[in-house]
Amino acid sequence: MPVKRTVMRSSKGKKLYAVRDAKGRFKDIQSYKKSHAMDMKRKSKAELAKAAKAKPKAKAKAKKK
């Protein structure tokens, strides 16, 4: 299940994602760049289901002369 992330800015102006625990304390802080890259690499359940449904059929080998 996705975790709610709070967008913050560092003193240098870089965008950060902060994840808080149930008590409101910081659990994890990551740079936007690192976090976004991992989000793009991961596939959602819908993307995985669609890929499994549309698996390409095996190609037929070319006949040799």
Protein backbone atom coordinates (compact mmCIF):
# COMPACT_ATOMS: atom_id res chain seq x y z
CA MET A 1 0.00 0.00 0.00
CA PRO A 2 1.39 3.43 -0.87
CA VAL A 3 2.59 5.62 1.97
CA LYS A 4 1.52 9.24 2.19
CA ARG A 5 4.51 11.51 1.68
CA THR A 6 4.77 15.15 2.69
CA VAL A 7 6.63 17.40 0.24
CA MET A 8 9.20 19.65 1.87
CA ARG A 9 12.13 21.80 0.75
CA SER A 10 15.70 21.63 2.06
CA SER A 11 17.66 24.74 3.03
CA LYS A 12 19.32 24.55 -0.42
CA GLY A 13 15.90 24.47 -2.12
CA LYS A 14 15.83 20.80 -3.14
CA LYS A 15 12.50 19.00 -2.99
CA LEU A 16 12.23 16.29 -0.32
CA TYR A 17 9.64 13.66 0.57
CA ALA A 18 9.08 13.03 4.27
CA VAL A 19 7.23 9.97 5.56
CA ARG A 20 5.79 10.15 9.08
CA ASP A 21 4.90 7.38 11.50
CA ALA A 22 1.58 7.06 13.35
CA LYS A 23 2.73 9.49 16.06
CA GLY A 24 3.66 12.15 13.49
CA ARG A 25 7.43 11.78 13.83
CA PHE A 26 9.65 11.55 10.75
CA LYS A 27 10.16 7.95 9.73
CA ASP A 28 12.04 8.52 6.47
CA ILE A 29 13.21 11.50 4.41
CA GLN A 30 14.29 11.05 0.78
CA SER A 31 15.18 13.39 -2.03
CA TYR A 32 12.50 13.79 -4.69
CA LYS A 33 14.92 12.66 -7.39
CA LYS A 34 15.72 9.34 -5.68
CA SER A 35 12.12 8.65 -4.71
CA HIS A 36 10.71 9.53 -8.13
CA ALA A 37 13.26 7.31 -9.91
CA MET A 38 12.20 4.30 -7.79
CA ASP A 39 8.52 5.05 -8.41
CA MET A 40 9.13 5.00 -12.17
CA LYS A 41 11.00 1.67 -11.97
CA ARG A 42 8.21 -0.08 -10.07
CA LYS A 43 5.14 -1.41 -11.86
CA SER A 44 1.63 -1.08 -10.46
CA LYS A 45 -0.72 -4.04 -10.07
CA ALA A 46 -2.72 -2.79 -13.05
CA GLU A 47 0.40 -2.56 -15.24
CA LEU A 48 1.50 -6.07 -14.25
CA ALA A 49 -1.95 -7.51 -14.94
CA LYS A 50 -2.11 -5.83 -18.34
CA ALA A 51 1.37 -7.10 -19.26
CA ALA A 52 0.49 -10.65 -18.21
CA LYS A 53 -2.72 -10.55 -20.23
CA ALA A 54 -1.01 -9.27 -23.38
CA LYS A 55 2.04 -11.57 -23.42
CA PRO A 56 3.40 -11.78 -26.96
CA LYS A 57 3.13 -15.13 -28.69
CA ALA A 58 6.33 -16.99 -29.56
CA LYS A 59 7.74 -16.02 -32.91
CA ALA A 60 7.91 -18.70 -35.58
CA LYS A 61 11.43 -19.45 -36.78
CA ALA A 62 12.29 -18.52 -40.35
CA LYS A 63 12.59 -21.48 -42.68
CA LYS A 64 16.04 -22.22 -43.99
CA LYS A 65 16.52 -22.77 -47.70
